[in-house]
Protein backbone atom coordinates (compact mmCIF):
# COMPACT_ATOMS: atom_id res chain seq x y z
CA LEU A 1 7.15 7.76 -9.57
CA ALA A 2 7.68 4.57 -11.69
CA PHE A 3 9.94 4.36 -14.64
CA ALA A 4 9.56 2.10 -17.65
CA PRO A 5 12.06 -0.71 -17.95
CA TYR A 6 15.52 0.69 -18.52
CA ASP A 7 17.56 -0.61 -21.46
CA ALA A 8 21.27 0.42 -21.47
CA LEU A 9 21.38 -0.08 -25.32
CA VAL A 10 18.70 2.50 -26.05
CA PRO A 11 20.44 5.83 -26.81
CA THR A 12 17.74 8.08 -25.31
CA PRO A 13 16.82 8.79 -21.72
CA THR A 14 14.05 6.98 -19.94
CA ASP A 15 11.47 9.56 -18.88
CA SER A 16 8.48 9.42 -16.51
CA GLU A 17 6.22 11.68 -14.59
CA ALA A 18 3.93 11.55 -11.59
CA SER A 19 1.38 13.92 -10.11
CA VAL A 20 0.66 15.05 -6.54
CA LEU A 21 -2.90 16.21 -6.09
CA VAL A 22 -3.42 18.94 -3.43
CA THR A 23 -6.85 19.90 -2.14
CA CYS A 24 -7.23 22.82 0.28
CA GLU A 25 -10.40 24.01 2.04
CA ARG A 26 -11.06 27.59 3.10
CA ASP A 27 -13.44 28.94 5.77
CA GLY A 28 -12.25 32.69 5.93
CA GLY A 29 -8.67 33.77 5.63
CA PRO A 30 -6.89 34.60 2.40
CA GLN A 31 -8.28 33.33 -0.93
CA ASN A 32 -4.91 32.88 -2.57
CA VAL A 33 -2.26 30.59 -1.06
CA THR A 34 1.15 29.56 -2.36
CA LEU A 35 1.96 25.94 -2.38
CA VAL A 36 5.69 24.87 -2.20
CA LEU A 37 6.71 21.35 -2.96
CA GLN A 38 10.17 20.13 -1.88
CA ALA A 39 11.92 16.82 -2.55
CA SER A 40 14.77 15.27 -0.57
CA GLN A 41 17.94 13.83 -2.25
CA GLY A 42 16.78 10.33 -1.62
CA MET A 43 18.01 7.48 0.40
CA ASN A 44 20.84 6.58 -1.95
CA SER A 45 22.28 10.04 -2.72
CA THR A 46 23.85 12.98 -0.99
CA SER A 47 22.61 15.64 -3.36
CA VAL A 48 19.38 16.37 -5.28
CA ASN A 49 21.59 17.03 -8.28
CA ALA A 50 22.97 13.41 -8.22
CA ARG A 51 20.19 10.98 -7.26
CA ARG A 52 20.63 7.24 -7.59
CA LEU A 53 18.37 4.32 -7.78
CA ALA A 54 20.06 1.35 -6.00
CA HIS A 55 19.81 -2.26 -7.31
CA ALA A 56 17.29 -4.17 -5.16
CA GLY A 57 19.02 -7.46 -5.50
CA GLY A 58 22.07 -6.59 -3.34
CA THR A 59 24.64 -5.69 -6.00
CA SER A 60 26.37 -2.33 -5.72
CA ASP A 61 25.05 -1.09 -9.07
CA THR A 62 23.24 2.12 -9.14
CA LEU A 63 21.33 4.14 -11.83
CA ASN A 64 21.62 7.89 -11.98
CA TYR A 65 18.27 9.65 -12.34
CA GLY A 66 16.75 13.07 -11.75
CA LEU A 67 13.50 14.67 -10.49
CA TYR A 68 12.49 17.94 -12.17
CA THR A 69 9.89 20.59 -11.91
CA ASP A 70 9.55 21.14 -15.82
CA PRO A 71 8.74 18.84 -18.75
CA GLY A 72 12.02 19.87 -20.32
CA ARG A 73 13.78 18.34 -17.27
CA SER A 74 16.19 21.27 -16.85
CA ASN A 75 15.15 22.46 -13.36
CA VAL A 76 16.05 20.01 -10.54
CA LEU A 77 13.41 19.50 -7.82
CA GLY A 78 15.06 19.92 -4.51
CA MET A 79 14.78 21.32 -0.97
CA THR A 80 15.87 24.99 -1.21
CA GLU A 81 12.90 27.33 -1.45
CA GLY A 82 13.32 29.85 -4.19
CA ILE A 83 16.01 27.92 -5.94
CA ASN A 84 14.82 24.35 -6.71
CA THR A 85 11.30 23.77 -5.31
CA LEU A 86 8.04 23.73 -7.21
CA ARG A 87 5.99 26.81 -6.30
CA VAL A 88 2.39 27.29 -7.41
CA SER A 89 -0.57 29.45 -6.49
CA LEU A 90 -3.94 28.23 -5.58
CA SER A 91 -7.13 30.21 -5.38
CA ILE A 92 -9.70 28.80 -2.87
CA PRO A 93 -13.22 30.10 -2.72
CA ASN A 94 -14.51 30.89 0.69
CA LYS A 95 -16.58 28.06 2.31
CA SER A 96 -15.37 25.70 -0.40
CA SER A 97 -12.26 23.93 -1.64
CA ALA A 98 -9.84 24.00 -4.61
CA THR A 99 -7.54 21.27 -6.06
CA ARG A 100 -4.19 21.70 -7.79
CA ARG A 101 -2.09 19.04 -9.65
CA LEU A 102 1.62 19.26 -9.11
CA THR A 103 3.63 17.25 -11.70
CA ILE A 104 7.11 15.86 -10.92
CA PHE A 105 9.15 14.86 -14.08
CA GLY A 106 11.80 12.06 -13.87
CA ARG A 107 14.55 11.09 -16.14
CA ILE A 108 17.12 8.23 -16.23
CA PRO A 109 19.95 9.34 -18.51
CA ALA A 110 20.90 6.82 -21.29
CA GLY A 111 24.10 4.94 -21.44
CA GLN A 112 24.42 3.45 -17.99
CA ASP A 113 25.80 -0.15 -18.03
CA VAL A 114 24.13 -1.78 -14.99
CA THR A 115 22.96 -5.25 -13.81
CA VAL A 116 19.44 -6.29 -14.96
CA GLY A 117 16.95 -6.05 -12.12
CA ASN A 118 14.76 -3.75 -9.97
CA TYR A 119 16.20 -0.47 -8.81
CA THR A 120 14.63 1.70 -6.03
CA ASP A 121 14.98 4.79 -4.07
CA THR A 122 12.95 6.61 -1.46
CA VAL A 123 12.47 10.34 -1.80
CA HIS A 124 10.57 12.33 0.83
CA LEU A 125 8.27 15.13 -0.45
CA THR A 126 7.27 18.06 1.78
CA LEU A 127 4.42 20.35 0.98
CA MET A 128 4.37 23.87 2.49
CA TYR A 129 1.56 26.45 2.28
């Protein structure tokens, strides 16, 4: 997921989104499956509720950000199934395949005074079915 350039003087959050495409094939077995997408807290954080992008230039600056399961950015995407994961159904025809797009919504809150530069984090996604 890539964010547009962040400007500390802009009074609105910086939003972004990314998609994960999942394709499943079926040769017998159940037609309907449940897909569960989990996201780790990231390399710079200790909680999915407090993710941070770290300045790539070596300063100690960080930008708070969040990953969410909904466009309103109210449901944090995390690791606990049934609480903060993205859960969707997929119907797969027999002897065929089906694809589902899972969208992750990101937000950097406004008002963070940080050094200009590139900020990064690494979040691991897990897909269960």
